Amino acid sequence: MKLSMGIFLFLIPVQVLAFNVSDLAKYSTIAVKTLAKNDSLYKGNNSTSVEIQGTKALINVLGADKVYYDTQFVYKGDKEIEHEGETTWYYYTPKSLNGNRKYKLYYRKNDVMRAAYAGDTLVIARKDDEEILLLIAQKGSDFERQVYDTLGLKIKNDDKVSFWKKLFGKDNKEIETDYIQDPVAAVSDKKWIEIYFTPGSECENNIIAEINQAKKIDIAVYSITNQNIVDAIIDAKERGAKIRVITDRLQSKGKYSLVDEIESAGIPVITNTGHKIMHNKFAVFDGKRIESGSYNWTESATESNAENCMFFEQEDKAFTKQFDYLWNLYQK
């Protein structure tokens, strides 16, 4: 009798919340944004299903084809909720878009998404071709801070009074340091940030994709030895794109540097004269789209290093202003 009761107690199911912020390392491709009031969170909606509107960032993460994903839904904040379900990433071609595709991520209602509100952080991460994570981090929670720290992001705080406002009574959005050292991005209320990790080709491939479609490219990268990326830069120059390159003085003279090849193609290149090193790794595409992170434009960063790169829309021209500042400084 005692044995039977012991077995009965042992078999009682216990819910264990398994997701930890360190699990984000299992995902190679991630999109992040702050939920806005106009995001579809189905508050007051009687439908049993809801859709997240597709964007370029989500297409980059989830692909261009229709896919059914096994999905882990997670909410972390003052309460912890997990749900195993499915999502469908699909497209349709409305007449108003003249045959262009419009994408949506479809899911059925669940307690995780029911807990989400505007201001929370939404993370959509792909592990492989069959599995994704849909994570909600409650605004202001310790877990949200852990997510941002893990991904190398900072939380946007519009209520914070800037140094320039205190000093001059008005804001100056230009980056305040002499140069950016591995800058992090602030998550906007309306735009996605895409994050990719190496080893793997995601950073290289997405940088090349941006180069291939841009008409104006400003590059500030510490080390450039990746032949595939350099080939794309030279091809862009040949099709008429306007390109400027800033790189580190010592790295540009290294054994594997391809900076001479870039200069030989007629692309203007300058190196640091006002700083000990030029340690930036960012690029500005058409004055709008930013690539940044720890990822140098090297083969080792793609093939063997643990690196990250992120893509997002520039706000307040901060990166463009910093590039122009360095460009002018190094020509003196």
Protein backbone atom coordinates (compact mmCIF):
# COMPACT_ATOMS: atom_id res chain seq x y z
CA MET A 1 0.00 0.00 0.00
CA LYS A 2 2.77 2.40 0.87
CA LEU A 3 4.60 1.45 -2.33
CA SER A 4 1.51 2.09 -4.46
CA MET A 5 0.96 5.52 -2.94
CA GLY A 6 4.59 6.38 -3.53
CA ILE A 7 4.28 5.46 -7.19
CA PHE A 8 1.07 7.47 -7.51
CA LEU A 9 2.69 10.59 -6.10
CA PHE A 10 5.71 10.18 -8.38
CA LEU A 11 3.55 10.02 -11.47
CA ILE A 12 1.69 13.26 -10.79
CA PRO A 13 2.60 15.55 -13.74
CA VAL A 14 4.54 18.66 -12.82
CA GLN A 15 4.77 21.55 -15.26
CA VAL A 16 8.36 22.67 -15.71
CA LEU A 17 9.03 25.92 -17.51
CA ALA A 18 12.01 24.86 -19.56
CA PHE A 19 12.95 27.98 -21.53
CA ASN A 20 15.99 29.93 -20.40
CA VAL A 21 17.48 33.02 -22.01
CA SER A 22 20.63 31.00 -22.77
CA ASP A 23 18.49 28.89 -25.12
CA LEU A 24 18.58 31.76 -27.62
CA ALA A 25 22.06 30.53 -28.54
CA LYS A 26 20.39 27.53 -30.20
CA TYR A 27 18.82 29.78 -32.84
CA SER A 28 20.86 31.03 -35.78
CA THR A 29 18.43 33.67 -37.04
CA ILE A 30 16.42 36.07 -34.87
CA ALA A 31 14.06 39.02 -35.41
CA VAL A 32 13.27 41.39 -32.53
CA LYS A 33 10.88 44.30 -32.09
CA THR A 34 8.93 46.18 -29.46
CA LEU A 35 5.23 45.48 -29.79
CA ALA A 36 3.27 48.57 -30.84
CA LYS A 37 -0.38 49.37 -30.25
CA ASN A 38 -1.24 48.53 -33.85
CA ASP A 39 0.32 45.06 -33.70
CA SER A 40 -2.25 42.28 -33.91
CA LEU A 41 -2.58 40.94 -30.36
CA TYR A 42 -6.26 40.09 -30.80
CA LYS A 43 -7.49 41.98 -27.75
CA GLY A 44 -11.26 41.95 -28.07
CA ASN A 45 -11.09 39.79 -31.18
CA ASN A 46 -13.44 36.80 -31.13
CA SER A 47 -11.57 34.93 -33.84
CA THR A 48 -9.75 31.74 -32.86
CA SER A 49 -6.71 32.63 -34.97
CA VAL A 50 -4.47 35.64 -35.38
CA GLU A 51 -1.74 36.71 -37.80
CA ILE A 52 1.46 38.69 -37.43
CA GLN A 53 2.05 40.88 -40.45
CA GLY A 54 5.03 39.87 -42.56
CA THR A 55 7.89 42.30 -43.17
CA LYS A 56 11.24 42.19 -44.94
CA ALA A 57 12.86 41.25 -41.64
CA LEU A 58 10.54 38.28 -41.15
CA ILE A 59 11.04 37.18 -44.75
CA ASN A 60 14.79 37.18 -44.10
CA VAL A 61 14.25 35.05 -40.98
CA LEU A 62 11.46 32.72 -42.11
CA GLY A 63 12.10 32.53 -45.85
CA ALA A 64 10.07 33.28 -48.96
CA ASP A 65 8.07 30.04 -49.15
CA LYS A 66 5.04 28.74 -47.31
CA VAL A 67 6.16 26.77 -44.25
CA TYR A 68 4.45 25.03 -41.33
CA TYR A 69 6.53 25.47 -38.18
CA ASP A 70 6.43 23.61 -34.89
CA THR A 71 6.45 26.58 -32.54
CA GLN A 72 7.46 27.07 -28.94
CA PHE A 73 5.47 29.99 -27.50
CA VAL A 74 7.00 31.52 -24.35
CA TYR A 75 5.94 34.44 -22.14
CA LYS A 76 8.32 35.63 -19.41
CA GLY A 77 7.70 38.44 -16.96
CA ASP A 78 5.68 38.65 -13.76
CA LYS A 79 4.31 35.28 -14.85
CA GLU A 80 5.77 32.46 -16.93
CA ILE A 81 3.73 30.70 -19.60
CA GLU A 82 4.75 28.19 -22.24
CA HIS A 83 2.77 26.60 -25.04
CA GLU A 84 3.68 24.13 -27.76
CA GLY A 85 1.82 24.77 -31.00
CA GLU A 86 2.12 25.45 -34.70
CA THR A 87 2.40 28.49 -36.93
CA THR A 88 1.99 28.89 -40.66
CA TRP A 89 4.18 31.30 -42.61
CA TYR A 90 2.40 32.01 -45.88
CA TYR A 91 1.89 34.58 -48.59
CA TYR A 92 -0.85 35.79 -50.89
CA THR A 93 -0.93 38.20 -53.82
CA PRO A 94 -3.60 40.90 -53.44
CA LYS A 95 -4.58 42.79 -56.57
CA SER A 96 -3.69 46.09 -54.87
CA LEU A 97 -0.03 45.05 -54.80
CA ASN A 98 0.11 44.27 -58.53
CA GLY A 99 1.06 40.66 -58.01
CA ASN A 100 3.62 41.26 -55.25
CA ARG A 101 3.48 38.91 -52.31
CA LYS A 102 2.18 39.86 -48.89
CA TYR A 103 3.29 37.64 -45.99
CA LYS A 104 1.69 36.70 -42.68
CA LEU A 105 2.54 34.43 -39.76
CA TYR A 106 -0.62 32.64 -38.68
CA TYR A 107 -1.13 31.12 -35.23
CA ARG A 108 -4.03 29.95 -33.09
CA LYS A 109 -4.86 31.78 -29.89
CA ASN A 110 -3.02 30.65 -26.78
CA ASP A 111 -2.27 31.90 -23.28
CA VAL A 112 1.20 33.12 -24.23
CA MET A 113 -0.02 35.52 -26.88
CA ARG A 114 -3.04 36.46 -24.81
CA ALA A 115 -0.65 37.81 -22.15
CA ALA A 116 1.21 40.09 -24.59
CA TYR A 117 0.69 43.85 -24.63
CA ALA A 118 2.12 46.84 -26.48
CA GLY A 119 5.54 47.69 -25.12
CA ASP A 120 6.57 44.07 -24.58
CA THR A 121 9.46 42.70 -26.61
CA LEU A 122 8.65 40.15 -29.30
CA VAL A 123 11.35 37.72 -30.47
CA ILE A 124 10.84 35.38 -33.43
CA ALA A 125 13.74 32.97 -33.87
CA ARG A 126 14.30 30.12 -36.33
CA LYS A 127 16.21 27.04 -35.25
CA ASP A 128 15.86 25.09 -38.51
CA ASP A 129 13.43 24.61 -41.39
CA GLU A 130 10.77 23.08 -39.13
CA GLU A 131 10.99 24.80 -35.74
CA ILE A 132 10.74 28.38 -34.48
CA LEU A 133 10.46 30.23 -31.18
CA LEU A 134 7.91 32.96 -30.51
CA LEU A 135 8.98 34.69 -27.30
CA ILE A 136 7.32 37.54 -25.41
CA ALA A 137 9.43 39.35 -22.79
CA GLN A 138 7.34 41.60 -20.55
CA LYS A 139 8.23 45.27 -20.69
CA GLY A 140 10.47 46.31 -17.80
CA SER A 141 11.04 42.79 -16.52
CA ASP A 142 14.39 41.32 -15.50
CA PHE A 143 13.95 38.73 -18.23
CA GLU A 144 13.55 41.45 -20.89
CA ARG A 145 16.87 42.90 -19.74
CA GLN A 146 18.47 39.45 -19.97
CA VAL A 147 17.17 39.04 -23.53
CA TYR A 148 18.58 42.40 -24.60
CA ASP A 149 21.92 41.73 -22.95
CA THR A 150 22.15 38.28 -24.57
CA LEU A 151 21.41 39.67 -28.03
CA GLY A 152 23.69 42.70 -27.63
CA LEU A 153 20.85 45.21 -27.78
CA LYS A 154 19.85 48.14 -25.64
CA ILE A 155 16.35 49.08 -24.60
CA LYS A 156 15.04 52.26 -26.15
CA ASN A 157 14.05 54.82 -23.54
CA ASP A 158 12.40 57.89 -24.99
CA ASP A 159 11.86 59.36 -21.52
CA LYS A 160 15.57 59.60 -20.76
CA VAL A 161 16.99 63.13 -21.03
CA SER A 162 20.05 63.11 -23.24
CA PHE A 163 23.42 64.62 -22.39
CA TRP A 164 22.95 67.18 -25.17
CA LYS A 165 19.53 68.25 -23.89
CA LYS A 166 20.96 68.80 -20.41
CA LEU A 167 23.89 70.80 -21.81
CA PHE A 168 22.28 72.86 -24.57
CA GLY A 169 18.56 72.54 -23.90
CA LYS A 170 17.99 70.59 -27.11
CA ASP A 171 18.65 67.11 -28.39
CA ASN A 172 21.57 66.19 -30.60
CA LYS A 173 21.13 62.64 -31.85
CA GLU A 174 24.70 62.37 -33.13
CA ILE A 175 26.63 59.63 -31.40
CA GLU A 176 28.55 61.21 -28.55
CA THR A 177 31.78 59.21 -28.63
CA ASP A 178 34.71 59.82 -30.98
CA TYR A 179 34.01 56.50 -32.63
CA ILE A 180 31.64 53.60 -32.21
CA GLN A 181 33.08 50.43 -30.71
CA ASP A 182 30.79 47.54 -31.60
CA PRO A 183 27.64 49.69 -31.36
CA VAL A 184 24.38 48.16 -30.21
CA ALA A 185 20.99 49.01 -31.63
CA ALA A 186 17.97 50.34 -29.79
CA VAL A 187 14.82 48.39 -30.55
CA SER A 188 12.26 50.65 -32.20
CA ASP A 189 8.56 50.54 -31.45
CA LYS A 190 7.75 50.00 -35.11
CA LYS A 191 10.66 48.25 -36.78
CA TRP A 192 12.27 44.85 -36.59
CA ILE A 193 15.91 44.12 -35.93
CA GLU A 194 17.31 40.99 -37.58
CA ILE A 195 20.15 39.20 -35.78
CA TYR A 196 22.35 36.44 -37.19
CA PHE A 197 25.09 34.39 -35.56
CA THR A 198 28.21 32.63 -36.83
CA PRO A 199 29.82 30.24 -37.59
CA GLY A 200 27.58 30.11 -40.63
CA SER A 201 26.88 32.06 -43.79
CA GLU A 202 23.90 34.16 -42.66
CA CYS A 203 25.91 37.34 -41.94
CA GLU A 204 27.91 37.09 -45.14
CA ASN A 205 24.88 36.31 -47.31
CA ASN A 206 22.75 39.13 -45.91
CA ILE A 207 25.55 41.69 -46.20
CA ILE A 208 26.00 40.70 -49.84
CA ALA A 209 22.23 40.93 -50.41
CA GLU A 210 22.23 44.50 -49.06
CA ILE A 211 25.23 45.44 -51.20
CA ASN A 212 23.60 43.98 -54.30
CA GLN A 213 20.55 46.21 -54.07
CA ALA A 214 22.01 49.46 -52.71
CA LYS A 215 22.89 52.55 -54.73
CA LYS A 216 24.90 54.24 -51.97
CA ILE A 217 27.07 52.29 -49.51
CA ASP A 218 29.15 53.62 -46.65
CA ILE A 219 31.35 50.96 -45.01
CA ALA A 220 33.26 51.36 -41.73
CA VAL A 221 34.76 47.96 -40.94
CA TYR A 222 37.89 47.11 -38.95
CA SER A 223 39.06 44.14 -41.05
CA ILE A 224 38.10 43.16 -44.62
CA THR A 225 39.36 39.80 -45.93
CA ASN A 226 36.18 38.13 -47.20
CA GLN A 227 36.53 37.67 -50.96
CA ASN A 228 32.80 37.10 -51.56
CA ILE A 229 31.88 40.38 -49.90
CA VAL A 230 34.66 42.27 -51.69
CA ASP A 231 33.51 40.86 -55.04
CA ALA A 232 30.01 42.17 -54.29
CA ILE A 233 31.43 45.60 -53.41
CA ILE A 234 33.35 45.79 -56.69
CA ASP A 235 30.32 44.59 -58.67
CA ALA A 236 28.27 47.34 -57.01
CA LYS A 237 30.86 49.91 -58.04
CA GLU A 238 30.76 48.66 -61.63
CA ARG A 239 26.99 49.01 -61.81
CA GLY A 240 27.27 52.63 -60.62
CA ALA A 241 26.80 52.48 -56.88
CA LYS A 242 28.48 55.23 -54.84
CA ILE A 243 30.74 53.61 -52.24
CA ARG A 244 33.03 54.88 -49.48
CA VAL A 245 35.14 52.69 -47.21
CA ILE A 246 36.76 53.42 -43.85
CA THR A 247 38.98 50.72 -42.36
CA ASP A 248 41.78 50.30 -39.84
CA ARG A 249 45.25 51.42 -40.89
CA LEU A 250 47.16 48.35 -39.63
CA GLN A 251 44.51 45.83 -40.67
CA SER A 252 44.49 47.25 -44.19
CA LYS A 253 48.17 46.31 -44.54
CA GLY A 254 47.72 42.78 -43.22
CA LYS A 255 48.66 39.65 -45.16
CA TYR A 256 45.07 38.69 -46.02
CA SER A 257 43.60 42.17 -46.39
CA LEU A 258 41.65 42.86 -49.58
CA VAL A 259 41.62 46.63 -49.14
CA ASP A 260 44.12 47.10 -52.00
CA GLU A 261 41.72 45.22 -54.28
CA ILE A 262 38.92 47.58 -53.30
CA GLU A 263 41.09 50.64 -53.95
CA SER A 264 42.24 49.23 -57.31
CA ALA A 265 38.58 49.13 -58.36
CA GLY A 266 38.42 52.90 -57.96
CA ILE A 267 36.59 52.89 -54.63
CA PRO A 268 37.73 55.60 -52.19
CA VAL A 269 39.23 54.16 -49.00
CA ILE A 270 40.60 56.02 -45.98
CA THR A 271 42.14 54.73 -42.74
CA ASN A 272 42.26 56.03 -39.19
CA THR A 273 44.55 58.94 -38.43
CA GLY A 274 42.80 60.32 -35.35
CA HIS A 275 42.43 57.14 -33.33
CA LYS A 276 44.69 54.29 -32.25
CA ILE A 277 42.44 51.79 -34.04
CA MET A 278 39.31 52.06 -36.16
CA HIS A 279 37.31 49.29 -34.52
CA ASN A 280 33.88 49.96 -36.02
CA LYS A 281 31.99 47.26 -37.89
CA PHE A 282 29.01 48.89 -39.57
CA ALA A 283 27.67 49.76 -42.99
CA VAL A 284 24.98 52.18 -44.15
CA PHE A 285 22.95 51.22 -47.22
CA ASP A 286 21.16 54.05 -49.07
CA GLY A 287 21.22 56.12 -45.90
CA LYS A 288 18.55 53.94 -44.31
CA ARG A 289 19.51 50.35 -43.69
CA ILE A 290 22.22 49.52 -41.12
CA GLU A 291 24.37 46.43 -40.67
CA SER A 292 26.38 46.28 -37.46
CA GLY A 293 27.66 43.93 -34.75
CA SER A 294 30.85 42.12 -33.79
CA TYR A 295 31.17 40.56 -37.26
CA ASN A 296 34.24 41.67 -39.23
CA TRP A 297 34.05 41.19 -42.99
CA THR A 298 36.43 38.23 -42.88
CA GLU A 299 36.31 34.57 -43.81
CA SER A 300 37.18 33.51 -40.27
CA ALA A 301 34.23 35.51 -38.91
CA THR A 302 31.99 33.46 -41.20
CA GLU A 303 33.57 30.05 -40.90
CA SER A 304 34.99 29.67 -37.40
CA ASN A 305 34.34 32.62 -35.06
CA ALA A 306 31.41 33.13 -32.70
CA GLU A 307 30.14 36.46 -34.02
CA ASN A 308 26.90 38.34 -34.54
CA CYS A 309 25.56 40.82 -37.05
CA MET A 310 22.32 42.76 -37.04
CA PHE A 311 20.28 44.66 -39.61
CA PHE A 312 17.82 47.46 -38.87
CA GLU A 313 16.46 50.75 -40.15
CA GLN A 314 18.49 53.80 -39.16
CA GLU A 315 16.83 56.35 -36.91
CA ASP A 316 17.89 59.98 -36.68
CA LYS A 317 20.80 59.39 -39.11
CA ALA A 318 23.12 58.57 -36.20
CA PHE A 319 25.28 56.13 -38.17
CA THR A 320 25.43 58.38 -41.24
CA LYS A 321 26.50 61.31 -39.07
CA GLN A 322 29.19 59.22 -37.39
CA PHE A 323 30.48 57.94 -40.73
CA ASP A 324 30.68 61.48 -42.13
CA TYR A 325 32.44 62.63 -38.95
CA LEU A 326 35.11 59.93 -39.30
CA TRP A 327 35.44 60.44 -43.05
CA ASN A 328 36.16 64.14 -42.58
CA LEU A 329 38.38 63.58 -39.54
CA TYR A 330 40.64 61.03 -41.25
CA GLN A 331 41.20 63.25 -44.29
CA LYS A 332 42.71 66.08 -42.24
